């Protein structure tokens, strides 16, 4: 057809559509939809309770699929409506794009290229546009918030993304609609990528262009939306540490068997000696540290931060198992006594703590000693295991 949109044939072949959640973006919506229709007419627009001229603008585009919320429910709710409706229309994939003018419709091409390269036997593909948050015209708050989200995404999934908050995305509708989603505003975009990753989707970034024009209307509320994102990640940390990560490792163990699992997942034979030794040192440091009740959270978070073997670090953090706890506390207290100039107190008894001041000083002495003991033990073990792993790696290399 002569007037067919540029990418329409590809959209049809891939069974893909575009979804546009919009709320009070009347100043940019008309131009945005006109430009978008140059590339495809498989478009679903969700009017999320707009009170401006949005409804009148959409009447100028009757060929598009429309969904309307009578009241504003939030971007997440608009996306959920679009996901469900798109699958009802028979689409397998959907590309979401914001209507505020920051995204370039011609970047639909980069999503289509990746979807065309996907193997039919491969996992569902979820792509997030990478806006290159280091460029000069990116607002500072957006850049900082994105770095925060990127870090915690890596902690709870074990995977890395450079941009977790871009609204320009490709979603696999079947897997997204199967998720039990609990959020309804901006944080839903994070909830989806985390839960989709947990469910086996391939989640990754692709580079896109971005523009932040003057007068751009944004409905992101810095305080409340950030609070919701932080709370969501707090919940994800608990779920991932106590269910998702153990579940995945158990599955790997059953699939690989003990010998292969120990070699590939615990020792990670291909890793350099200093990194394996670093994981052990980190685990011991956390296990001896005075942060009781937080050891699991700390060891996984720090291992993710320093890109160390999480399994190895976790195993050695369990140096603080119940039979050893009294010895660790006692050694920490004595170390603290030595550091504070009191010397070793071999006749330590509970009746020495006769006042609140004595208890406070004793706790402070324990904390100082615990951190010192943790640091010294971690350094010593790093040296020992570094040389041990170095020797083992050399033997593996020279082995015929």
Protein backbone atom coordinates (compact mmCIF):
# COMPACT_ATOMS: atom_id res chain seq x y z
CA UNK A 1 0.00 0.00 0.00
CA UNK A 2 1.28 3.40 -0.96
CA UNK A 3 0.46 5.12 2.33
CA UNK A 4 1.38 2.22 4.58
CA UNK A 5 3.50 3.22 7.62
CA UNK A 6 7.24 2.61 7.22
CA UNK A 7 7.56 -0.27 9.73
CA UNK A 8 4.01 -1.65 9.49
CA UNK A 9 4.95 -4.84 7.63
CA UNK A 10 7.57 -5.65 10.25
CA UNK A 11 5.15 -4.92 13.09
CA UNK A 12 2.62 -7.30 11.50
CA UNK A 13 5.21 -10.05 10.95
CA UNK A 14 6.39 -9.81 14.56
CA UNK A 15 2.83 -9.57 15.89
CA UNK A 16 3.86 -6.43 17.75
CA UNK A 17 2.11 -3.17 18.59
CA UNK A 18 2.88 0.17 20.28
CA UNK A 19 1.21 1.24 23.52
CA UNK A 20 0.99 4.87 24.58
CA UNK A 21 -0.09 5.69 28.15
CA UNK A 22 -0.96 9.37 28.36
CA UNK A 23 -2.16 11.78 31.01
CA UNK A 24 -2.56 15.52 30.42
CA UNK A 25 0.06 15.62 27.67
CA UNK A 26 -2.20 17.60 25.35
CA UNK A 27 0.57 20.06 24.49
CA UNK A 28 2.67 17.34 22.85
CA UNK A 29 0.18 14.55 22.06
CA UNK A 30 -1.05 15.71 18.63
CA UNK A 31 2.43 16.11 17.14
CA UNK A 32 3.62 12.93 18.87
CA UNK A 33 0.82 10.74 17.45
CA UNK A 34 1.22 12.25 13.98
CA UNK A 35 4.91 11.36 14.00
CA UNK A 36 4.30 7.93 15.49
CA UNK A 37 1.79 6.99 12.76
CA UNK A 38 4.53 7.48 10.16
CA UNK A 39 6.03 4.21 11.40
CA UNK A 40 3.02 2.06 12.41
CA UNK A 41 -0.74 2.16 12.86
CA UNK A 42 -0.76 -0.74 15.35
CA UNK A 43 -1.12 1.67 18.25
CA UNK A 44 -3.03 1.44 21.54
CA UNK A 45 -3.53 4.71 23.40
CA UNK A 46 -4.66 4.66 27.03
CA UNK A 47 -6.09 7.97 28.19
CA UNK A 48 -5.49 7.79 31.94
CA UNK A 49 -8.19 10.18 33.11
CA UNK A 50 -6.84 13.29 31.38
CA UNK A 51 -8.58 16.59 32.14
CA UNK A 52 -7.02 18.63 29.33
CA UNK A 53 -7.67 18.46 25.55
CA UNK A 54 -6.43 14.85 25.27
CA UNK A 55 -9.89 13.41 24.56
CA UNK A 56 -10.48 15.87 21.72
CA UNK A 57 -7.05 15.12 20.23
CA UNK A 58 -7.73 11.38 20.24
CA UNK A 59 -10.94 11.97 18.27
CA UNK A 60 -8.67 13.07 15.42
CA UNK A 61 -7.12 9.58 15.39
CA UNK A 62 -10.11 7.19 15.23
CA UNK A 63 -8.06 4.52 13.44
CA UNK A 64 -6.04 3.88 16.61
CA UNK A 65 -7.11 1.58 19.43
CA UNK A 66 -8.33 3.58 22.41
CA UNK A 67 -8.80 2.73 26.07
CA UNK A 68 -9.96 5.27 28.64
CA UNK A 69 -9.78 5.53 32.42
CA UNK A 70 -12.51 7.85 33.71
CA UNK A 71 -10.19 8.96 36.53
CA UNK A 72 -6.42 9.14 36.71
CA UNK A 73 -5.09 5.84 38.10
CA UNK A 74 -1.37 6.19 37.42
CA UNK A 75 1.01 5.17 34.66
CA UNK A 76 1.28 1.61 35.95
CA UNK A 77 -2.47 1.12 35.76
CA UNK A 78 -2.52 2.53 32.23
CA UNK A 79 0.20 0.09 31.20
CA UNK A 80 -1.62 -2.85 32.77
CA UNK A 81 -4.78 -1.92 30.86
CA UNK A 82 -2.74 -1.69 27.65
CA UNK A 83 -0.96 -5.03 28.23
CA UNK A 84 -4.22 -6.88 28.75
CA UNK A 85 -5.98 -5.20 25.82
CA UNK A 86 -3.03 -5.79 23.48
CA UNK A 87 -3.05 -9.51 24.21
CA UNK A 88 -6.82 -9.62 23.70
CA UNK A 89 -6.22 -8.11 20.25
CA UNK A 90 -3.83 -10.97 19.51
CA UNK A 91 -0.46 -9.25 19.85
CA UNK A 92 2.56 -11.08 21.30
CA UNK A 93 4.79 -8.07 21.95
CA UNK A 94 4.20 -4.42 22.70
CA UNK A 95 6.53 -1.41 22.65
CA UNK A 96 5.64 1.25 25.20
CA UNK A 97 6.57 4.85 24.48
CA UNK A 98 5.93 8.01 26.50
CA UNK A 99 3.83 10.76 24.93
CA UNK A 100 5.71 13.72 26.45
CA UNK A 101 8.08 14.16 23.52
CA UNK A 102 11.26 12.74 25.04
CA UNK A 103 11.43 9.67 22.79
CA UNK A 104 12.07 9.50 19.06
CA UNK A 105 9.54 7.29 17.19
CA UNK A 106 12.19 6.28 14.64
CA UNK A 107 13.92 4.38 17.48
CA UNK A 108 11.16 1.79 17.12
CA UNK A 109 13.54 0.34 14.56
CA UNK A 110 16.14 -0.69 17.18
CA UNK A 111 13.50 -2.65 19.09
CA UNK A 112 12.24 -4.35 15.93
CA UNK A 113 15.79 -5.32 14.91
CA UNK A 114 16.40 -7.05 18.26
CA UNK A 115 13.03 -8.79 18.13
CA UNK A 116 13.75 -9.99 14.59
CA UNK A 117 17.09 -11.46 15.75
CA UNK A 118 15.46 -13.35 18.62
CA UNK A 119 15.42 -17.12 18.20
CA UNK A 120 12.01 -18.74 18.49
CA UNK A 121 13.40 -21.24 21.00
CA UNK A 122 14.92 -18.52 23.16
CA UNK A 123 13.49 -16.94 26.32
CA UNK A 124 10.92 -14.13 26.09
CA UNK A 125 12.62 -10.84 25.31
CA UNK A 126 12.12 -7.66 27.37
CA UNK A 127 14.11 -4.65 26.17
CA UNK A 128 14.60 -1.36 28.03
CA UNK A 129 15.82 1.70 26.18
CA UNK A 130 19.18 2.97 27.43
CA UNK A 131 19.06 6.77 27.43
CA UNK A 132 22.80 7.27 28.15
CA UNK A 133 22.15 9.00 31.47
CA UNK A 134 25.63 10.53 31.49
CA UNK A 135 24.93 13.01 28.73
CA UNK A 136 24.74 16.72 29.54
CA UNK A 137 21.02 17.39 29.07
CA UNK A 138 19.81 14.62 31.42
CA UNK A 139 18.27 16.12 34.61
CA UNK A 140 20.42 15.43 37.68
CA UNK A 141 17.56 13.90 39.68
CA UNK A 142 16.79 11.45 36.87
CA UNK A 143 20.43 10.37 36.67
CA UNK A 144 20.80 9.82 40.43
CA UNK A 145 17.49 7.99 40.74
CA UNK A 146 18.42 5.76 37.83
CA UNK A 147 21.78 4.82 39.39
CA UNK A 148 19.99 3.91 42.62
CA UNK A 149 17.50 1.73 40.75
CA UNK A 150 20.21 0.11 38.61
CA UNK A 151 22.18 -0.94 41.69
CA UNK A 152 19.25 -2.55 43.48
CA UNK A 153 18.06 -4.20 40.28
CA UNK A 154 21.46 -5.91 40.10
CA UNK A 155 21.24 -6.93 43.77
CA UNK A 156 17.80 -8.56 43.48
CA UNK A 157 18.27 -10.18 40.05
CA UNK A 158 22.03 -10.68 39.66
CA UNK A 159 21.79 -8.99 36.24
CA UNK A 160 23.04 -5.55 35.19
CA UNK A 161 21.17 -2.76 33.41
CA UNK A 162 22.44 0.74 32.63
CA UNK A 163 18.93 2.20 32.58
CA UNK A 164 16.05 0.68 34.53
CA UNK A 165 13.63 3.61 34.37
CA UNK A 166 13.25 4.42 30.69
CA UNK A 167 9.64 4.27 29.53
CA UNK A 168 10.62 3.20 25.99
CA UNK A 169 10.46 -0.61 26.20
CA UNK A 170 9.59 -3.83 24.45
CA UNK A 171 7.38 -6.14 26.52
CA UNK A 172 6.57 -9.85 25.95
CA UNK A 173 2.83 -9.74 26.62
CA UNK A 174 2.27 -13.36 27.59
CA UNK A 175 4.80 -13.33 30.41
CA UNK A 176 3.96 -9.79 31.55
CA UNK A 177 0.25 -10.55 31.81
CA UNK A 178 1.05 -13.70 33.79
CA UNK A 179 2.83 -11.69 36.51
CA UNK A 180 1.09 -10.90 39.78
CA UNK A 181 1.59 -7.14 39.73
CA UNK A 182 0.79 -5.10 42.83
CA UNK A 183 1.81 -1.54 41.90
CA UNK A 184 -0.06 1.06 39.85
CA UNK A 185 2.18 4.10 39.27
CA UNK A 186 5.70 4.65 37.91
CA UNK A 187 7.16 1.86 40.05
CA UNK A 188 5.26 -0.74 38.00
CA UNK A 189 7.92 -0.45 35.30
CA UNK A 190 10.50 -1.63 37.83
CA UNK A 191 8.21 -4.33 39.21
CA UNK A 192 7.71 -5.75 35.73
CA UNK A 193 11.39 -6.00 34.78
CA UNK A 194 12.36 -7.57 38.13
CA UNK A 195 9.56 -10.15 38.13
CA UNK A 196 9.99 -10.88 34.42
CA UNK A 197 13.70 -11.53 35.02
CA UNK A 198 12.84 -13.81 37.95
CA UNK A 199 10.46 -15.69 35.65
CA UNK A 200 13.12 -16.34 33.02
CA UNK A 201 12.74 -13.49 30.53
CA UNK A 202 15.84 -12.04 28.90
CA UNK A 203 15.92 -8.44 30.17
CA UNK A 204 18.52 -6.12 28.66
CA UNK A 205 19.18 -2.58 27.47
CA UNK A 206 19.43 -1.25 23.93
CA UNK A 207 20.66 2.29 23.13
CA UNK A 208 18.05 4.92 22.24
CA UNK A 209 18.04 8.67 21.69
CA UNK A 210 16.32 10.96 24.18
CA UNK A 211 15.25 14.60 24.25
CA UNK A 212 14.14 16.65 27.24
CA UNK A 213 12.38 19.62 25.60
CA UNK A 214 11.58 22.81 27.49
CA UNK A 215 8.08 22.79 28.94
CA UNK A 216 7.92 18.98 28.95
CA UNK A 217 5.07 17.81 31.18
CA UNK A 218 6.11 15.16 33.69
CA UNK A 219 3.92 13.64 36.36
CA UNK A 220 6.76 12.05 38.31
CA UNK A 221 6.55 13.28 41.92
CA UNK A 222 10.10 13.14 43.31
CA UNK A 223 9.24 12.41 46.94
CA UNK A 224 6.29 10.01 46.86
CA UNK A 225 7.30 8.12 43.72
CA UNK A 226 10.82 7.62 45.05
CA UNK A 227 9.40 6.44 48.38
CA UNK A 228 7.29 3.84 46.59
CA UNK A 229 10.29 2.69 44.54
CA UNK A 230 12.43 2.34 47.68
CA UNK A 231 9.71 0.35 49.48
CA UNK A 232 9.29 -1.88 46.43
CA UNK A 233 13.01 -2.63 46.30
CA UNK A 234 13.05 -3.34 50.06
CA UNK A 235 10.40 -6.00 49.46
CA UNK A 236 12.30 -7.36 46.44
CA UNK A 237 15.49 -7.65 48.52
CA UNK A 238 13.70 -9.83 51.08
CA UNK A 239 12.04 -12.00 48.42
CA UNK A 240 15.22 -12.39 46.38
CA UNK A 241 17.53 -13.22 49.30
CA UNK A 242 15.21 -15.66 51.03
CA UNK A 243 13.47 -17.23 48.03
CA UNK A 244 14.59 -16.30 44.48
CA UNK A 245 18.39 -16.63 44.85
CA UNK A 246 18.21 -19.87 46.91
CA UNK A 247 15.61 -21.28 44.49
CA UNK A 248 17.78 -20.53 41.47
CA UNK A 249 20.88 -22.03 43.07
CA UNK A 250 18.93 -25.14 44.06
CA UNK A 251 17.75 -25.49 40.46
CA UNK A 252 21.33 -25.10 39.21
CA UNK A 253 22.47 -27.70 41.74
CA UNK A 254 19.87 -30.24 40.59
CA UNK A 255 20.63 -29.57 36.94
CA UNK A 256 24.43 -29.70 37.17
CA UNK A 257 25.07 -32.14 39.99
CA UNK A 258 27.32 -31.60 42.99
CA UNK A 259 30.71 -31.72 41.26
CA UNK A 260 29.85 -29.39 38.39
CA UNK A 261 27.89 -27.03 40.64
CA UNK A 262 30.80 -26.80 43.10
CA UNK A 263 33.25 -26.08 40.29
CA UNK A 264 31.16 -23.61 38.29
CA UNK A 265 28.96 -21.87 40.86
CA UNK A 266 30.90 -22.08 44.12
CA UNK A 267 34.56 -22.02 43.09
CA UNK A 268 33.92 -20.44 39.67
CA UNK A 269 37.08 -21.98 38.27
CA UNK A 270 37.39 -19.39 35.50
CA UNK A 271 37.52 -16.45 37.91
CA UNK A 272 40.90 -14.95 38.83
CA UNK A 273 42.34 -15.95 42.19
CA UNK A 274 42.05 -12.47 43.71
CA UNK A 275 38.29 -12.36 43.11
CA UNK A 276 37.62 -15.78 44.63
CA UNK A 277 39.78 -14.90 47.61
CA UNK A 278 37.95 -11.58 47.83
CA UNK A 279 34.58 -13.34 48.05
CA UNK A 280 35.83 -15.48 50.94
CA UNK A 281 37.32 -12.45 52.70
CA UNK A 282 34.07 -10.54 52.28
CA UNK A 283 32.04 -13.43 53.68
CA UNK A 284 34.27 -13.73 56.74
CA UNK A 285 34.25 -9.97 57.30
CA UNK A 286 30.45 -9.85 57.25
CA UNK A 287 30.11 -12.99 59.37
CA UNK A 288 32.30 -11.57 62.16
CA UNK A 289 30.94 -8.00 61.92
CA UNK A 290 28.55 -6.81 64.66
CA UNK A 291 25.59 -6.35 62.31
CA UNK A 292 23.62 -9.32 63.60
CA UNK A 293 20.41 -10.00 61.70
CA UNK A 294 21.70 -8.19 58.62
CA UNK A 295 24.50 -10.54 57.58
CA UNK A 296 22.61 -12.09 54.67
CA UNK A 297 21.48 -8.72 53.32
CA UNK A 298 24.98 -7.26 53.69
CA UNK A 299 26.86 -10.13 52.11
CA UNK A 300 24.65 -10.27 49.01
CA UNK A 301 24.55 -6.47 48.63
CA UNK A 302 28.33 -6.09 49.00
CA UNK A 303 29.03 -9.07 46.76
CA UNK A 304 26.84 -7.49 44.07
CA UNK A 305 28.53 -4.10 44.55
CA UNK A 306 32.05 -5.51 44.17
CA UNK A 307 30.99 -8.16 41.61
CA UNK A 308 32.17 -11.05 43.74
CA UNK A 309 30.99 -14.66 43.91
CA UNK A 310 27.76 -14.44 45.94
CA UNK A 311 27.64 -18.17 46.74
CA UNK A 312 31.20 -18.28 48.04
CA UNK A 313 30.74 -15.08 50.06
CA UNK A 314 27.50 -16.37 51.57
CA UNK A 315 29.02 -19.72 52.53
CA UNK A 316 31.89 -18.09 54.42
CA UNK A 317 29.62 -15.52 56.05
CA UNK A 318 28.15 -18.45 57.94
CA UNK A 319 31.24 -18.50 60.13
CA UNK A 320 28.81 -16.99 62.65
CA UNK A 321 26.85 -20.22 63.09
CA UNK A 322 25.45 -20.75 66.63
CA UNK A 323 28.28 -22.95 68.02
CA UNK A 324 30.86 -20.30 67.07
CA UNK A 325 28.92 -17.17 68.06
CA UNK A 326 30.09 -17.13 71.73
CA UNK A 327 33.73 -17.47 70.62
CA UNK A 328 33.35 -14.68 68.03
CA UNK A 329 31.75 -12.32 70.56
CA UNK A 330 34.39 -13.16 73.19
CA UNK A 331 37.28 -12.67 70.76
CA UNK A 332 35.74 -9.41 69.51
CA UNK A 333 35.40 -8.08 73.05
CA UNK A 334 38.99 -8.97 73.88
CA UNK A 335 40.18 -7.34 70.66
CA UNK A 336 38.26 -4.21 71.59
CA UNK A 337 39.77 -4.27 75.08
CA UNK A 338 43.24 -4.45 73.55
CA UNK A 339 42.57 -1.62 71.08
CA UNK A 340 41.13 0.70 73.75
CA UNK A 341 44.22 0.19 75.91
CA UNK A 342 42.55 -1.96 78.58
CA UNK A 343 44.53 -5.06 77.65
CA UNK A 344 43.15 -8.57 77.68
CA UNK A 345 40.62 -9.30 80.40
CA UNK A 346 40.80 -13.06 80.95
CA UNK A 347 38.45 -12.98 83.93
CA UNK A 348 35.55 -11.44 82.06
CA UNK A 349 32.26 -11.94 83.95
CA UNK A 350 28.77 -10.49 83.61
CA UNK A 351 28.87 -8.98 87.10
CA UNK A 352 31.55 -6.59 85.83
CA UNK A 353 28.74 -4.63 84.13
CA UNK A 354 27.12 -2.95 87.13
CA UNK A 355 25.75 0.22 85.51
CA UNK A 356 24.36 1.50 82.23
CA UNK A 357 27.67 3.20 81.59
CA UNK A 358 29.53 -0.11 81.99
CA UNK A 359 27.13 -1.78 79.55
CA UNK A 360 27.48 1.03 76.99
CA UNK A 361 31.28 0.96 77.23
CA UNK A 362 31.26 -2.83 76.94
CA UNK A 363 29.05 -2.74 73.83
CA UNK A 364 31.21 -0.03 72.26
CA UNK A 365 34.32 -2.07 73.04
CA UNK A 366 32.73 -5.11 71.43
CA UNK A 367 31.75 -3.17 68.28
CA UNK A 368 35.26 -1.73 67.86
CA UNK A 369 36.82 -5.12 68.47
CA UNK A 370 34.37 -6.91 66.18
CA UNK A 371 35.10 -4.63 63.23
CA UNK A 372 38.84 -4.84 63.86
CA UNK A 373 38.75 -8.62 64.15
CA UNK A 374 36.63 -8.81 60.97
CA UNK A 375 39.11 -6.68 59.02
CA UNK A 376 42.18 -8.57 60.24
CA UNK A 377 40.58 -11.97 59.63
CA UNK A 378 39.42 -10.93 56.14
CA UNK A 379 42.89 -9.68 55.16
CA UNK A 380 44.63 -12.81 56.48
CA UNK A 381 42.21 -15.16 54.74
CA UNK A 382 42.42 -13.18 51.48
CA UNK A 383 46.21 -13.67 51.50
CA UNK A 384 45.95 -17.37 52.30
CA UNK A 385 43.27 -18.15 49.70
CA UNK A 386 44.81 -15.91 47.07
CA UNK A 387 48.00 -17.96 47.11
CA UNK A 388 46.01 -21.21 47.37
CA UNK A 389 43.84 -20.38 44.34
CA UNK A 390 46.86 -19.07 42.42
CA UNK A 391 48.64 -22.39 42.87
CA UNK A 392 45.51 -24.35 41.86
CA UNK A 393 45.04 -22.16 38.77
CA UNK A 394 48.68 -22.71 37.73
CA UNK A 395 48.31 -26.48 38.08
CA UNK A 396 45.16 -26.36 35.98
CA UNK A 397 46.95 -24.41 33.23
CA UNK A 398 50.00 -26.69 33.02
CA UNK A 399 47.97 -29.87 33.29
CA UNK A 400 48.22 -31.77 29.96
